[in-house]
Protein backbone atom coordinates (compact mmCIF):
# COMPACT_ATOMS: atom_id res chain seq x y z
CA MET A 1 -3.56 14.76 9.55
CA LYS A 2 -3.54 14.77 6.05
CA TRP A 3 -2.49 12.84 3.12
CA GLN A 4 -0.70 13.32 -0.16
CA GLN A 5 -0.70 10.81 -3.25
CA ILE A 6 2.34 10.52 -5.46
CA PRO A 7 2.67 8.73 -8.29
CA LEU A 8 6.16 7.08 -8.66
CA GLY A 9 8.08 4.59 -10.22
CA SER A 10 7.46 2.50 -13.91
CA ILE A 11 3.87 2.25 -14.06
CA GLN A 12 3.56 5.29 -11.57
CA THR A 13 2.09 3.30 -8.47
CA ASN A 14 0.29 5.56 -5.95
CA CYS A 15 2.70 6.49 -3.00
CA TYR A 16 0.89 8.18 0.09
CA ILE A 17 2.47 10.51 2.57
CA VAL A 18 0.08 10.74 5.75
CA GLU A 19 1.29 13.58 7.64
CA ASP A 20 0.52 14.99 11.11
CA LYS A 21 0.22 18.38 12.14
CA GLU A 22 3.88 17.72 13.50
CA LYS A 23 5.01 17.58 10.44
CA ASN A 24 5.80 13.55 10.94
CA CYS A 25 4.90 11.02 8.45
CA LEU A 26 4.45 7.64 7.44
CA ILE A 27 5.15 6.61 4.06
CA VAL A 28 3.02 4.10 2.43
CA ASP A 29 4.38 2.05 -0.86
CA PRO A 30 7.14 4.02 -2.16
CA GLY A 31 7.47 2.48 -5.22
CA GLY A 32 10.37 4.08 -7.07
CA GLU A 33 11.75 7.57 -7.69
CA ALA A 34 13.45 7.43 -4.56
CA LYS A 35 15.67 10.92 -4.80
CA LYS A 36 12.41 12.42 -6.14
CA LEU A 37 10.39 11.09 -3.00
CA ILE A 38 13.45 12.20 -0.50
CA ASN A 39 13.85 15.88 -2.28
CA LEU A 40 9.75 16.54 -1.61
CA LEU A 41 10.17 15.28 2.04
CA ASN A 42 13.11 17.66 2.39
CA SER A 43 11.94 20.28 0.80
CA ARG A 44 8.56 20.55 3.03
CA GLY A 45 10.66 19.11 6.26
CA ILE A 46 8.48 16.26 6.88
CA LYS A 47 10.13 13.57 9.06
CA PRO A 48 9.31 9.94 8.57
CA LEU A 49 8.68 7.73 10.66
CA ALA A 50 8.28 4.68 9.18
CA VAL A 51 7.27 2.91 5.53
CA LEU A 52 4.23 0.95 5.34
CA LEU A 53 3.93 -1.53 2.54
CA THR A 54 0.27 -3.16 1.51
CA HIS A 55 2.37 -5.50 -0.47
CA ALA A 56 5.31 -6.48 -1.88
CA HIS A 57 4.73 -6.40 -5.75
CA PHE A 58 8.07 -4.41 -7.40
CA ASP A 59 5.99 -1.23 -8.44
CA HIS A 60 5.34 -0.55 -4.40
CA ILE A 61 8.67 -1.38 -2.83
CA GLY A 62 11.72 0.15 -5.56
CA ALA A 63 12.48 3.02 -3.36
CA VAL A 64 12.10 1.25 0.10
CA ASP A 65 15.52 0.76 0.66
CA GLU A 66 16.69 4.19 -0.45
CA VAL A 67 14.06 6.15 2.06
CA ARG A 68 15.02 3.37 4.98
CA ASP A 69 18.69 4.18 4.63
CA ALA A 70 18.09 8.04 4.36
CA TYR A 71 15.96 8.54 7.24
CA LYS A 72 16.57 5.04 9.36
CA VAL A 73 13.27 4.09 9.70
CA PRO A 74 11.61 0.33 10.01
CA VAL A 75 9.34 -0.67 6.71
CA TYR A 76 6.55 -2.71 8.02
CA LEU A 77 5.52 -5.95 5.73
CA HIS A 78 2.89 -8.86 6.29
CA LYS A 79 4.77 -11.81 6.90
CA GLN A 80 3.28 -14.07 4.49
CA GLU A 81 5.26 -11.95 1.74
CA GLU A 82 8.61 -11.76 4.01
CA LYS A 83 10.32 -13.46 1.42
CA TRP A 84 9.18 -11.52 -1.45
CA LEU A 85 11.36 -8.15 -1.18
CA GLY A 86 14.57 -10.28 -2.24
CA ASP A 87 13.20 -12.32 -4.76
CA PRO A 88 12.76 -10.72 -8.30
CA MET A 89 10.46 -13.79 -9.09
CA LEU A 90 8.06 -13.19 -6.63
CA ASN A 91 7.91 -9.63 -6.23
CA GLY A 92 7.29 -9.75 -10.24
CA SER A 93 10.13 -7.50 -11.48
CA GLU A 94 11.40 -10.77 -13.08
CA PHE A 95 8.54 -10.83 -15.13
CA PHE A 96 8.83 -7.25 -16.91
CA PRO A 97 12.37 -7.03 -19.04
CA VAL A 98 12.17 -3.24 -19.18
CA ILE A 99 12.95 -3.42 -15.40
CA GLU A 100 16.01 -4.32 -13.38
CA PRO A 101 15.29 -7.06 -11.14
CA ILE A 102 14.60 -5.87 -7.66
CA ARG A 103 15.94 -7.10 -4.66
CA ILE A 104 15.17 -5.31 -1.18
CA ASN A 105 16.56 -5.90 2.06
CA PRO A 106 14.36 -7.47 4.86
CA ALA A 107 11.18 -5.89 6.32
CA ASN A 108 12.19 -4.74 10.26
CA HIS A 109 8.82 -5.73 11.24
CA LEU A 110 6.64 -8.34 9.75
CA LEU A 111 2.81 -7.69 10.59
CA THR A 112 1.20 -11.19 11.77
CA ALA A 113 -2.50 -10.25 12.84
CA GLU A 114 -5.29 -7.83 11.98
CA GLY A 115 -5.96 -4.91 14.41
CA PRO A 116 -4.73 -1.97 15.64
CA LEU A 117 -1.17 -0.59 15.15
CA LYS A 118 0.47 2.44 16.20
CA VAL A 119 3.51 4.75 15.01
CA GLY A 120 4.36 7.64 16.88
CA ASN A 121 1.33 9.30 16.74
CA PHE A 122 -0.38 8.03 14.05
CA ALA A 123 -3.08 5.31 14.93
CA PHE A 124 -4.80 2.79 12.20
CA THR A 125 -6.02 -0.58 11.71
CA VAL A 126 -4.41 -2.82 9.80
CA PHE A 127 -6.93 -5.12 7.51
CA HIS A 128 -5.60 -8.39 5.78
CA THR A 129 -6.87 -8.50 2.45
CA PRO A 130 -5.16 -11.34 0.55
CA GLY A 131 -6.40 -11.85 -3.21
CA HIS A 132 -4.24 -10.06 -5.13
CA SER A 133 -1.36 -10.99 -3.63
CA PRO A 134 -1.07 -13.83 -0.25
CA GLY A 135 0.15 -10.74 1.95
CA SER A 136 -2.01 -7.75 0.76
CA VAL A 137 -2.89 -5.55 3.64
CA SER A 138 -4.92 -2.05 3.98
CA PHE A 139 -4.50 0.32 6.10
CA TYR A 140 -7.27 1.99 7.67
CA PHE A 141 -7.41 5.77 9.54
CA GLU A 142 -11.05 5.78 11.16
CA SER A 143 -10.91 8.79 12.86
CA GLU A 144 -9.58 10.46 9.45
CA GLY A 145 -12.17 8.49 7.24
CA PHE A 146 -9.98 7.24 4.80
CA VAL A 147 -8.20 3.48 3.83
CA ILE A 148 -5.15 2.47 1.97
CA SER A 149 -5.94 -0.10 0.05
CA GLY A 150 -3.07 -0.86 -2.13
CA ASP A 151 -4.10 -3.09 -5.16
CA ALA A 152 -7.08 -4.74 -3.51
CA LEU A 153 -9.25 -2.15 -4.86
CA PHE A 154 -9.73 0.64 -7.43
CA GLN A 155 -12.05 2.96 -8.86
CA GLY A 156 -14.02 0.82 -10.82
CA SER A 157 -12.07 -2.28 -10.89
CA ILE A 158 -10.32 -4.60 -8.53
CA GLY A 159 -6.81 -5.83 -8.26
CA ARG A 160 -5.23 -8.44 -10.52
CA THR A 161 -5.09 -11.87 -9.78
CA ASP A 162 -2.59 -13.66 -12.53
CA LEU A 163 0.75 -13.26 -10.17
CA PRO A 164 2.18 -15.38 -8.28
CA GLY A 165 -0.24 -16.21 -5.18
CA GLY A 166 -3.44 -14.16 -6.62
CA ASN A 167 -6.75 -15.46 -6.41
CA GLN A 168 -9.74 -13.53 -7.32
CA SER A 169 -12.45 -15.49 -5.04
CA GLN A 170 -10.03 -14.60 -2.22
CA LEU A 171 -9.77 -11.14 -3.20
CA LEU A 172 -13.60 -10.48 -3.59
CA LYS A 173 -13.90 -11.56 0.08
CA SER A 174 -11.33 -9.85 1.14
CA ILE A 175 -12.99 -6.60 -0.40
CA HIS A 176 -16.56 -7.62 0.59
CA ASP A 177 -15.93 -8.49 4.24
CA LYS A 178 -13.16 -5.80 4.93
CA LEU A 179 -13.58 -3.01 2.93
CA LEU A 180 -17.26 -2.50 1.99
CA THR A 181 -18.09 -2.51 5.56
CA LEU A 182 -16.41 0.31 6.50
CA PRO A 183 -18.92 3.80 5.80
CA GLU A 184 -19.56 4.35 2.27
CA ASP A 185 -17.89 7.90 2.66
CA THR A 186 -14.60 6.56 3.53
CA TYR A 187 -12.03 7.69 0.81
CA VAL A 188 -10.36 4.96 -0.50
CA LEU A 189 -6.56 5.60 -1.59
CA SER A 190 -5.77 2.92 -4.19
CA GLY A 191 -2.67 1.81 -5.41
CA HIS A 192 -2.70 3.01 -9.05
CA GLY A 193 -5.31 5.39 -10.59
CA PRO A 194 -7.92 8.12 -8.63
CA VAL A 195 -9.41 8.18 -5.28
CA THR A 196 -12.64 6.74 -4.81
CA THR A 197 -15.50 6.00 -2.20
CA ILE A 198 -16.57 2.96 -0.37
CA GLY A 199 -19.89 4.15 -1.58
CA ASP A 200 -19.52 4.88 -5.04
CA GLU A 201 -17.71 1.45 -5.23
CA MET A 202 -20.77 -0.48 -3.79
CA ASP A 203 -22.96 1.59 -6.24
CA SER A 204 -21.00 1.22 -9.84
CA ASN A 205 -18.10 -0.95 -9.54
CA PRO A 206 -19.07 -3.87 -11.98
CA PHE A 207 -16.62 -6.34 -10.20
CA LEU A 208 -18.75 -6.04 -7.23
CA ASN A 209 -21.99 -5.80 -8.47
CA GLY A 210 -24.16 -9.27 -7.53
CA PHE A 211 -20.89 -10.14 -5.21
């Protein structure tokens, strides 16, 4: 299994393609530029099985409907953000005047609990990691040694908490209890910026020191 980071959309949010050896894939957080993403997948002959959303902020969801329609695949989102996809106030697009308000159709599957999830041949664990937003989740691929953290944890930083439903103390608890307990060599695939590791963030992230 392999993964690819593809910055997409107005603020170049990291979309991730997780691919198996049969050329099936999961698409995580298709934030925009749907045609670019679809052309890439088609050119490589990759077949999407699902769209996974770490959360429902505008910069992570902009291409959801076009991708879902193109491949007839389900979309997974945490239940606490069920209404966010279609509400520009909740998904944040209303606050950025250079962006058209984003309204996405409802998710097909609502995540209600943490634990194992299987989509096709892909087996991974869902962690509820709120704080950046109430329904933020991380997807942990244990056997492959990486976690897709959305906007919870970044290289040298953490997610912002000044948007609706944000809570910094809750975010720090999520990171400490769910992410920092993973093996230190686990790669952290963040929603923005470069890839890091759990160990590097434990050692050098100024937001986590002394927590």
